[in-house]
């Protein structure tokens, strides 16, 4: 049996595709469905099913567009109550995909409708499990997301359900099965995911902390909840979109790919209150950008930081992108539910600059410059990495204001004296810098290369401690 990880997108999310005898199925598709349609056409196959492991929080699924374009049947696990036409399967129900079979295994815990799909080939041999957010490589799904949608589903209750699902439904399965999880390293849906994308279940039973055979339910709950931070604010909103339904991506693209001259761009921004989102890389943004625009670069964890830093999922957005990146930016915004892009700056920032309109810059320095001036200037250093990164190692006397908490802690950024910003590599600190500029801060400098560059200098640093969580 061939199970293809056909598309990997936001937050390291993986979607899977199988085909047998002219019939195909897609598991947990991203919102951009064309790759699945193209693959089915190449295989001369019809997509019969779209299997959803759960109502996703970190992205808007492409299941509705696949249903419309391919005539596919949407399948959820037990307990799901979608607001559109779909099949809610029973535990142990079997679906046929050509000569292959897909068995439903209800595994609540990450969410209550969470389901694992057991794949069987044409000879009935069990091949692998598509585990969604129930079991990752090296980790399991965080059990605190559903409580943000259903209040009485506490994280402790969900963790208890997950313990039972793993012990009673997953661990009794064959060690030879291949585990196909929804996420790898970089996702906010777990704490310590491996960069590996598949493994055997037998090996996971040996190395995954959550599958220790001697672990009690109380120990499991404690270990699973330790180190969890507040999930991104857009997660509950994506869940509701996946439950209730959403606008077609085709309609969103038609509306968003509207070009505006610098004059029209400025007028629309002023008239509508649209957010100007600049998706260029940090270095180019620092050299010049439209006043009051925010920088979140496409060449990074774009969707995650859009979701963290733009609280209103219905916020109207005007884009500044590189010439060939506007469609990618619109699509990646839509993947996490930001469907209200109203257009883009025709010709990019160069057209703005060439029109003679005002622009702003941000000062950047190399880590070596910071090292040279550190003692002399008694520099205040503000580190915008996650707390777990800061606790692992940081410049002595630096203060930590995680980027996702910046709006709640603006008072820690002085306006009466200069300071220095940095993150791990320069991506997040430029987001912070653009927000500070928008709010009126002027006397600060960003460190090019972030802590990765700082760590190679002789600046005084705390002793390195391995982080207990990557959240």
Protein backbone atom coordinates (compact mmCIF):
# COMPACT_ATOMS: atom_id res chain seq x y z
CA UNK A 1 0.00 0.00 0.00
CA UNK A 2 1.25 3.48 -0.87
CA UNK A 3 0.30 6.29 1.49
CA UNK A 4 1.54 9.60 0.19
CA UNK A 5 2.12 12.71 2.22
CA UNK A 6 0.94 14.73 -0.70
CA UNK A 7 0.97 18.20 0.75
CA UNK A 8 2.67 19.84 3.69
CA UNK A 9 1.74 23.36 4.64
CA UNK A 10 1.08 25.60 7.59
CA UNK A 11 2.59 24.60 10.92
CA UNK A 12 4.11 21.45 9.41
CA UNK A 13 0.66 19.98 8.81
CA UNK A 14 0.59 16.85 6.65
CA UNK A 15 -2.31 15.60 4.55
CA UNK A 16 -2.36 12.04 3.22
CA UNK A 17 -3.60 10.51 -0.02
CA UNK A 18 -4.21 6.90 -0.99
CA UNK A 19 -5.41 5.42 -4.29
CA UNK A 20 -6.52 1.91 -5.20
CA UNK A 21 -8.08 0.64 -8.39
CA UNK A 22 -9.18 4.07 -9.58
CA UNK A 23 -10.57 5.20 -6.22
CA UNK A 24 -8.79 7.72 -3.99
CA UNK A 25 -9.20 9.16 -0.52
CA UNK A 26 -7.69 12.23 1.12
CA UNK A 27 -7.12 12.57 4.87
CA UNK A 28 -7.21 16.01 6.53
CA UNK A 29 -6.70 18.14 3.40
CA UNK A 30 -5.38 21.67 3.57
CA UNK A 31 -7.62 24.38 2.19
CA UNK A 32 -5.80 24.58 -1.14
CA UNK A 33 -7.32 21.47 -2.74
CA UNK A 34 -5.85 21.64 -6.24
CA UNK A 35 -2.87 19.37 -5.44
CA UNK A 36 -5.26 16.57 -4.47
CA UNK A 37 -7.37 17.05 -7.58
CA UNK A 38 -4.24 17.09 -9.75
CA UNK A 39 -2.95 13.91 -8.19
CA UNK A 40 -6.26 12.11 -8.65
CA UNK A 41 -6.36 13.18 -12.29
CA UNK A 42 -2.80 11.91 -12.78
CA UNK A 43 -3.83 8.57 -11.25
CA UNK A 44 -7.02 8.50 -13.34
CA UNK A 45 -8.84 8.14 -10.03
CA UNK A 46 -11.97 9.54 -8.42
CA UNK A 47 -11.71 10.97 -4.91
CA UNK A 48 -14.45 9.08 -3.09
CA UNK A 49 -13.83 10.11 0.52
CA UNK A 50 -12.39 12.96 2.53
CA UNK A 51 -11.56 11.53 5.97
CA UNK A 52 -11.23 14.06 8.79
CA UNK A 53 -9.50 12.97 11.98
CA UNK A 54 -11.10 15.83 13.96
CA UNK A 55 -12.25 19.43 13.74
CA UNK A 56 -8.89 21.12 13.26
CA UNK A 57 -7.79 24.16 15.21
CA UNK A 58 -4.58 25.17 13.46
CA UNK A 59 -5.95 25.44 9.92
CA UNK A 60 -9.14 25.53 7.87
CA UNK A 61 -9.61 22.17 6.18
CA UNK A 62 -10.21 21.80 2.44
CA UNK A 63 -12.93 19.20 2.92
CA UNK A 64 -15.83 21.38 1.75
CA UNK A 65 -14.11 22.45 -1.47
CA UNK A 66 -13.17 18.82 -2.19
CA UNK A 67 -16.76 17.80 -1.58
CA UNK A 68 -17.91 20.41 -4.07
CA UNK A 69 -15.26 19.87 -6.75
CA UNK A 70 -14.76 16.11 -6.55
CA UNK A 71 -18.13 14.99 -5.26
CA UNK A 72 -16.33 13.36 -2.33
CA UNK A 73 -18.09 12.17 0.81
CA UNK A 74 -16.83 13.83 4.01
CA UNK A 75 -16.34 11.41 6.91
CA UNK A 76 -15.89 12.33 10.58
CA UNK A 77 -15.52 10.07 13.57
CA UNK A 78 -18.14 9.36 16.25
CA UNK A 79 -19.63 12.35 18.01
CA UNK A 80 -18.93 14.91 15.30
CA UNK A 81 -21.79 17.29 14.51
CA UNK A 82 -20.80 19.32 11.44
CA UNK A 83 -23.06 22.04 10.11
CA UNK A 84 -23.06 20.66 6.55
CA UNK A 85 -23.61 17.37 4.74
CA UNK A 86 -21.17 14.75 6.06
CA UNK A 87 -21.08 11.19 7.36
CA UNK A 88 -20.54 10.65 11.07
CA UNK A 89 -19.01 7.18 11.27
CA UNK A 90 -19.38 4.58 13.98
CA UNK A 91 -16.47 3.13 15.90
CA UNK A 92 -14.95 0.20 13.94
CA UNK A 93 -16.91 1.07 10.79
CA UNK A 94 -15.09 0.11 7.59
CA UNK A 95 -14.97 2.13 4.36
CA UNK A 96 -13.73 0.75 1.02
CA UNK A 97 -11.32 2.70 -1.17
CA UNK A 98 -10.91 0.53 -4.24
CA UNK A 99 -9.34 -2.70 -2.98
CA UNK A 100 -8.19 -1.04 0.24
CA UNK A 101 -10.14 -0.69 3.45
CA UNK A 102 -10.16 2.09 6.03
CA UNK A 103 -11.28 1.23 9.56
CA UNK A 104 -12.56 3.90 11.94
CA UNK A 105 -11.00 3.80 15.44
CA UNK A 106 -12.51 6.37 17.77
CA UNK A 107 -9.69 7.89 19.85
CA UNK A 108 -11.04 10.85 21.87
CA UNK A 109 -8.68 13.00 23.88
CA UNK A 110 -7.21 15.70 21.69
CA UNK A 111 -10.85 16.43 20.93
CA UNK A 112 -13.88 14.28 21.65
CA UNK A 113 -14.50 13.35 17.99
CA UNK A 114 -10.81 12.59 17.34
CA UNK A 115 -10.46 9.47 15.23
CA UNK A 116 -7.60 7.29 14.00
CA UNK A 117 -7.90 5.53 10.64
CA UNK A 118 -6.46 2.02 10.26
CA UNK A 119 -5.39 1.28 6.68
CA UNK A 120 -5.63 -2.25 5.24
CA UNK A 121 -4.35 -3.33 1.83
CA UNK A 122 -6.04 -5.49 -0.81
CA UNK A 123 -5.05 -8.68 1.05
CA UNK A 124 -6.46 -7.47 4.35
CA UNK A 125 -3.01 -6.84 5.84
CA UNK A 126 -2.94 -3.93 8.26
CA UNK A 127 -0.52 -1.36 6.93
CA UNK A 128 -0.60 1.78 9.08
CA UNK A 129 -2.60 4.27 11.10
CA UNK A 130 -3.38 7.88 10.25
CA UNK A 131 -3.48 9.26 13.77
CA UNK A 132 -4.37 12.92 13.29
CA UNK A 133 -3.47 14.73 16.51
CA UNK A 134 -3.85 11.67 18.74
CA UNK A 135 -0.32 10.30 18.34
CA UNK A 136 2.70 12.13 16.96
CA UNK A 137 6.26 10.95 16.51
CA UNK A 138 7.71 11.44 19.99
CA UNK A 139 4.62 13.10 21.41
CA UNK A 140 0.83 13.12 21.62
CA UNK A 141 -1.71 15.85 20.93
CA UNK A 142 -2.31 18.61 23.43
CA UNK A 143 -5.61 18.06 25.29
CA UNK A 144 -6.54 21.67 26.00
CA UNK A 145 -7.93 22.92 22.69
CA UNK A 146 -11.51 21.65 22.82
CA UNK A 147 -12.09 23.39 26.16
CA UNK A 148 -11.85 26.71 24.35
CA UNK A 149 -14.94 25.69 22.34
CA UNK A 150 -16.82 23.57 24.93
CA UNK A 151 -16.22 24.99 28.40
CA UNK A 152 -16.90 21.87 30.46
CA UNK A 153 -14.31 19.84 28.54
CA UNK A 154 -11.42 20.62 30.85
CA UNK A 155 -7.88 19.75 29.84
CA UNK A 156 -7.76 17.21 32.67
CA UNK A 157 -10.85 15.42 31.36
CA UNK A 158 -9.52 15.40 27.81
CA UNK A 159 -6.11 14.15 28.96
CA UNK A 160 -7.84 11.29 30.75
CA UNK A 161 -9.74 10.37 27.59
CA UNK A 162 -6.48 10.51 25.61
CA UNK A 163 -4.79 8.15 28.08
CA UNK A 164 -7.61 5.64 27.64
CA UNK A 165 -7.56 5.99 23.84
CA UNK A 166 -3.83 5.37 23.65
CA UNK A 167 -3.89 2.40 26.05
CA UNK A 168 -7.08 0.75 24.82
CA UNK A 169 -7.17 1.60 21.12
CA UNK A 170 -3.67 2.40 19.86
CA UNK A 171 -1.13 0.46 21.93
CA UNK A 172 -2.80 -2.98 21.41
CA UNK A 173 -2.27 -2.61 17.63
CA UNK A 174 0.59 -4.35 15.81
CA UNK A 175 4.10 -3.03 16.34
CA UNK A 176 4.67 -3.22 12.56
CA UNK A 177 2.09 -0.55 11.75
CA UNK A 178 3.41 2.71 10.31
CA UNK A 179 2.28 5.82 12.18
CA UNK A 180 1.24 8.72 9.95
CA UNK A 181 0.62 11.78 12.19
CA UNK A 182 -0.82 15.14 11.17
CA UNK A 183 2.10 17.18 12.45
CA UNK A 184 5.84 17.26 12.94
CA UNK A 185 8.26 19.66 14.59
CA UNK A 186 7.12 23.27 14.49
CA UNK A 187 3.44 22.70 15.22
CA UNK A 188 1.71 24.28 18.19
CA UNK A 189 -0.49 21.18 18.58
CA UNK A 190 2.06 19.32 20.74
CA UNK A 191 5.05 19.99 23.00
CA UNK A 192 8.02 17.93 21.80
CA UNK A 193 7.31 16.55 18.33
CA UNK A 194 10.08 14.91 16.37
CA UNK A 195 11.25 16.24 13.02
CA UNK A 196 10.64 12.72 11.67
CA UNK A 197 7.34 12.38 9.83
CA UNK A 198 6.67 8.62 10.21
CA UNK A 199 7.75 5.72 12.42
CA UNK A 200 6.61 2.25 13.37
CA UNK A 201 4.18 1.96 16.24
CA UNK A 202 6.51 -0.55 17.90
CA UNK A 203 9.35 1.95 18.03
CA UNK A 204 7.05 4.65 19.37
CA UNK A 205 6.02 2.32 22.18
CA UNK A 206 9.69 2.19 23.18
CA UNK A 207 10.66 5.87 22.85
CA UNK A 208 7.52 8.01 23.17
CA UNK A 209 7.21 9.27 26.75
CA UNK A 210 3.41 9.13 26.59
CA UNK A 211 3.34 5.42 25.71
CA UNK A 212 5.29 4.11 28.69
CA UNK A 213 3.54 0.87 29.70
CA UNK A 214 4.02 1.46 33.44
CA UNK A 215 2.56 4.96 33.37
CA UNK A 216 -0.53 5.61 35.51
CA UNK A 217 -3.33 7.85 34.29
CA UNK A 218 -2.43 10.42 36.96
CA UNK A 219 1.22 10.45 35.82
CA UNK A 220 0.14 10.76 32.19
CA UNK A 221 -2.12 13.73 32.90
CA UNK A 222 0.57 15.51 34.91
CA UNK A 223 3.31 14.99 32.31
CA UNK A 224 1.06 15.92 29.42
CA UNK A 225 -0.17 19.17 30.96
CA UNK A 226 3.21 20.30 32.30
CA UNK A 227 4.70 22.98 30.08
CA UNK A 228 1.55 23.69 28.07
CA UNK A 229 1.18 27.35 27.19
CA UNK A 230 -1.93 29.18 26.02
CA UNK A 231 -2.74 28.06 22.48
CA UNK A 232 -2.78 30.62 19.65
CA UNK A 233 -5.84 32.84 19.81
CA UNK A 234 -7.09 31.92 16.35
CA UNK A 235 -7.38 28.19 17.13
CA UNK A 236 -10.98 28.26 18.49
CA UNK A 237 -12.05 30.40 15.52
CA UNK A 238 -10.67 27.85 13.05
CA UNK A 239 -12.45 25.06 14.93
CA UNK A 240 -15.77 26.86 14.50
CA UNK A 241 -15.12 27.44 10.79
CA UNK A 242 -14.41 23.74 10.35
CA UNK A 243 -17.59 22.84 12.25
CA UNK A 244 -19.95 25.38 10.67
CA UNK A 245 -18.47 25.79 7.17
CA UNK A 246 -16.70 28.58 5.30
CA UNK A 247 -16.43 30.50 2.04
CA UNK A 248 -14.90 28.85 -1.02
CA UNK A 249 -11.22 29.60 -1.55
CA UNK A 250 -12.01 30.46 -5.19
CA UNK A 251 -14.21 33.36 -4.06
CA UNK A 252 -11.56 34.57 -1.64
CA UNK A 253 -8.87 34.52 -4.34
CA UNK A 254 -11.08 36.44 -6.78
CA UNK A 255 -11.66 39.19 -4.23
CA UNK A 256 -8.13 39.34 -2.84
CA UNK A 257 -6.18 39.45 -6.11
CA UNK A 258 -7.24 43.04 -6.77
CA UNK A 259 -4.26 45.29 -7.62
CA UNK A 260 -4.14 48.84 -6.27
CA UNK A 261 -1.89 51.73 -7.25
CA UNK A 262 -0.07 53.44 -4.37
CA UNK A 263 -2.68 56.20 -4.35
CA UNK A 264 -5.64 53.79 -4.33
CA UNK A 265 -3.89 51.55 -1.79
CA UNK A 266 -3.43 54.47 0.61
CA UNK A 267 -7.00 55.67 0.12
CA UNK A 268 -8.53 52.25 0.78
CA UNK A 269 -6.35 51.72 3.86
CA UNK A 270 -7.56 55.05 5.26
CA UNK A 271 -11.21 54.51 4.32
CA UNK A 272 -11.63 50.93 5.54
CA UNK A 273 -9.15 50.68 8.40
CA UNK A 274 -7.61 47.66 6.67
CA UNK A 275 -4.38 46.34 8.15
CA UNK A 276 -1.38 46.76 5.87
CA UNK A 277 0.49 43.44 6.09
CA UNK A 278 3.99 43.39 4.57
CA UNK A 279 5.13 39.82 3.89
CA UNK A 280 8.67 40.57 2.69
CA UNK A 281 11.70 39.26 4.56
CA UNK A 282 13.00 41.14 7.60
CA UNK A 283 16.04 42.69 5.93
CA UNK A 284 14.08 44.21 3.04
CA UNK A 285 11.33 45.40 5.37
CA UNK A 286 13.84 47.12 7.67
CA UNK A 287 15.25 49.12 4.73
CA UNK A 288 11.88 50.70 4.06
CA UNK A 289 8.17 50.10 4.56
CA UNK A 290 4.80 51.85 4.50
CA UNK A 291 4.06 53.70 7.76
CA UNK A 292 1.87 51.69 10.18
CA UNK A 293 2.35 48.43 8.29
CA UNK A 294 3.11 45.18 10.11
CA UNK A 295 5.78 42.74 8.94
CA UNK A 296 5.14 39.00 9.02
CA UNK A 297 7.42 37.39 6.46
CA UNK A 298 6.26 34.57 4.21
CA UNK A 299 9.63 32.87 4.63
CA UNK A 300 8.93 31.76 8.18
CA UNK A 301 6.06 30.54 10.35
CA UNK A 302 3.76 32.95 8.56
CA UNK A 303 0.37 31.42 9.31
CA UNK A 304 1.19 30.85 12.97
CA UNK A 305 2.25 34.45 13.56
CA UNK A 306 -0.62 35.91 11.58
CA UNK A 307 -2.91 33.93 13.90
CA UNK A 308 -1.02 35.08 16.98
CA UNK A 309 -0.68 38.76 16.12
CA UNK A 310 -3.93 39.62 14.29
CA UNK A 311 -6.68 38.99 16.86
CA UNK A 312 -9.67 39.61 14.57
CA UNK A 313 -9.99 36.79 12.05
CA UNK A 314 -12.34 39.02 10.03
CA UNK A 315 -9.85 41.88 9.86
CA UNK A 316 -9.64 43.39 6.36
CA UNK A 317 -6.07 43.09 5.06
CA UNK A 318 -4.11 44.89 2.35
CA UNK A 319 -0.98 43.06 1.22
CA UNK A 320 2.53 44.20 0.34
CA UNK A 321 4.41 41.26 -1.21
CA UNK A 322 7.17 40.41 -3.61
CA UNK A 323 5.97 40.37 -7.22
CA UNK A 324 5.39 36.61 -7.49
CA UNK A 325 4.17 35.98 -3.92
CA UNK A 326 0.71 37.55 -3.67
CA UNK A 327 -1.22 34.33 -4.42
CA UNK A 328 0.86 32.42 -1.89
CA UNK A 329 0.23 35.07 0.76
CA UNK A 330 -3.53 35.08 0.13
CA UNK A 331 -3.69 31.28 0.23
CA UNK A 332 -1.66 30.99 3.41
CA UNK A 333 -3.84 33.59 5.11
CA UNK A 334 -6.94 31.66 4.08
CA UNK A 335 -5.51 28.40 5.42
CA UNK A 336 -5.85 29.80 8.92
CA UNK A 337 -9.18 31.51 8.32
CA UNK A 338 -8.11 35.05 7.39
CA UNK A 339 -10.44 35.33 4.42
CA UNK A 340 -10.80 39.10 4.19
CA UNK A 341 -7.83 40.20 2.11
CA UNK A 342 -9.18 43.04 -0.06
CA UNK A 343 -6.24 43.55 -2.43
CA UNK A 344 -2.52 44.13 -2.84
CA UNK A 345 -0.08 46.92 -3.70
CA UNK A 346 0.56 46.68 -7.43
CA UNK A 347 4.30 46.69 -8.02
CA UNK A 348 5.09 46.05 -4.36
CA UNK A 349 6.97 48.40 -2.08
CA UNK A 350 9.08 49.73 -4.96
CA UNK A 351 5.98 51.29 -6.51
CA UNK A 352 5.21 53.00 -3.19
CA UNK A 353 8.75 54.31 -2.86
CA UNK A 354 8.94 55.43 -6.49
CA UNK A 355 5.69 57.34 -6.12
CA UNK A 356 7.42 59.64 -3.64
CA UNK A 357 5.30 58.63 -0.68
CA UNK A 358 6.73 58.60 2.85
CA UNK A 359 8.26 55.42 4.19
CA UNK A 360 9.86 54.26 7.45
CA UNK A 361 13.01 52.28 8.28
CA UNK A 362 14.23 50.18 11.22
CA UNK A 363 17.85 50.16 12.35
CA UNK A 364 19.52 46.73 12.40
CA UNK A 365 22.97 45.77 13.70
CA UNK A 366 25.08 42.63 13.66
CA UNK A 367 25.69 40.69 16.87
CA UNK A 368 29.34 41.77 16.74
CA UNK A 369 28.24 45.42 16.95
CA UNK A 370 26.13 44.61 19.99
CA UNK A 371 29.07 42.82 21.57
CA UNK A 372 31.31 45.86 21.03
CA UNK A 373 28.85 48.32 22.54
CA UNK A 374 27.30 46.18 25.26
CA UNK A 375 29.46 47.22 28.22
CA UNK A 376 30.04 50.77 27.10
CA UNK A 377 26.38 51.61 26.49
CA UNK A 378 24.90 49.43 29.24
CA UNK A 379 22.41 48.30 26.62
CA UNK A 380 18.92 47.14 27.60
CA UNK A 381 18.28 43.91 25.69
CA UNK A 382 14.73 42.65 25.16
CA UNK A 383 14.44 39.05 24.02
CA UNK A 384 11.14 38.25 22.27
CA UNK A 385 11.60 34.48 22.05
CA UNK A 386 9.30 32.04 23.82
CA UNK A 387 9.82 31.63 27.57
CA UNK A 388 11.11 28.08 27.06
CA UNK A 389 13.80 29.37 24.68
CA UNK A 390 14.73 32.20 27.02
CA UNK A 391 14.92 29.89 30.03
CA UNK A 392 17.16 27.54 28.06
CA UNK A 393 19.80 30.23 27.45
CA UNK A 394 19.86 34.03 27.22
CA UNK A 395 22.05 37.10 27.54
CA UNK A 396 22.58 37.95 31.20
CA UNK A 397 20.36 40.86 32.35
CA UNK A 398 18.17 40.62 29.23
CA UNK A 399 14.44 40.72 29.83
CA UNK A 400 11.97 38.38 28.15
CA UNK A 401 8.78 39.58 26.47
CA UNK A 402 7.54 36.75 24.22
CA UNK A 403 6.29 38.06 20.89
CA UNK A 404 2.82 36.60 21.34
CA UNK A 405 2.48 38.58 24.60
CA UNK A 406 3.87 41.88 23.35
CA UNK A 407 0.55 43.74 23.28
CA UNK A 408 -0.05 42.90 26.95
CA UNK A 409 3.43 44.06 28.01
CA UNK A 410 4.13 47.21 26.02
CA UNK A 411 5.02 49.02 29.25
CA UNK A 412 8.25 46.98 29.41
CA UNK A 413 9.53 48.72 26.28
CA UNK A 414 10.92 52.12 27.37
CA UNK A 415 10.23 55.21 25.30
CA UNK A 416 12.74 57.42 27.15
CA UNK A 417 15.89 55.41 26.37
CA UNK A 418 17.15 53.15 23.57
CA UNK A 419 16.97 49.37 23.70
CA UNK A 420 17.91 46.36 21.59
CA UNK A 421 15.52 43.70 20.29
CA UNK A 422 16.32 40.14 19.29
CA UNK A 423 14.69 36.73 18.81
CA UNK A 424 16.25 33.46 17.65
CA UNK A 425 17.13 34.45 14.09
CA UNK A 426 15.65 37.85 13.31
CA UNK A 427 12.20 36.87 12.03
CA UNK A 428 10.11 37.38 15.16
CA UNK A 429 12.01 40.45 16.35
CA UNK A 430 11.14 42.23 13.09
CA UNK A 431 7.47 41.47 13.71
CA UNK A 432 7.92 43.03 17.15
CA UNK A 433 9.82 45.97 15.69
CA UNK A 434 7.05 46.71 13.20
CA UNK A 435 4.43 46.64 15.97
CA UNK A 436 6.50 48.98 18.14
CA UNK A 437 6.99 51.38 15.23
CA UNK A 438 3.25 51.35 14.60
CA UNK A 439 2.64 52.20 18.29
CA UNK A 440 5.09 55.12 18.30
CA UNK A 441 8.43 53.67 19.54
CA UNK A 442 11.49 55.07 17.77
CA UNK A 443 14.70 54.55 19.76
CA UNK A 444 15.46 50.85 19.36
CA UNK A 445 17.64 48.56 17.30
CA UNK A 446 17.09 45.03 15.99
CA UNK A 447 19.83 42.38 16.01
CA UNK A 448 20.38 40.75 12.65
CA UNK A 449 20.62 36.98 13.09
CA UNK A 450 19.14 37.04 16.59
CA UNK A 451 20.34 34.79 19.39
CA UNK A 452 21.87 32.37 16.92
CA UNK A 453 24.37 35.10 16.03
CA UNK A 454 24.64 36.38 19.61
CA UNK A 455 25.55 32.90 20.86
CA UNK A 456 28.74 33.06 18.78
CA UNK A 457 29.95 36.22 20.52
CA UNK A 458 31.51 36.72 23.97
CA UNK A 459 28.44 38.46 25.35
CA UNK A 460 27.76 37.08 28.87
CA UNK A 461 25.11 34.34 28.71
CA UNK A 462 23.44 32.00 31.14
CA UNK A 463 24.43 28.35 31.15
CA UNK A 464 22.53 26.31 28.57
CA UNK A 465 19.66 24.15 29.90
CA UNK A 466 17.78 21.75 27.64
CA UNK A 467 14.20 23.05 27.28
CA UNK A 468 11.49 20.86 28.79
CA UNK A 469 8.96 21.95 26.18
CA UNK A 470 9.08 23.53 22.75
CA UNK A 471 5.82 25.40 23.18
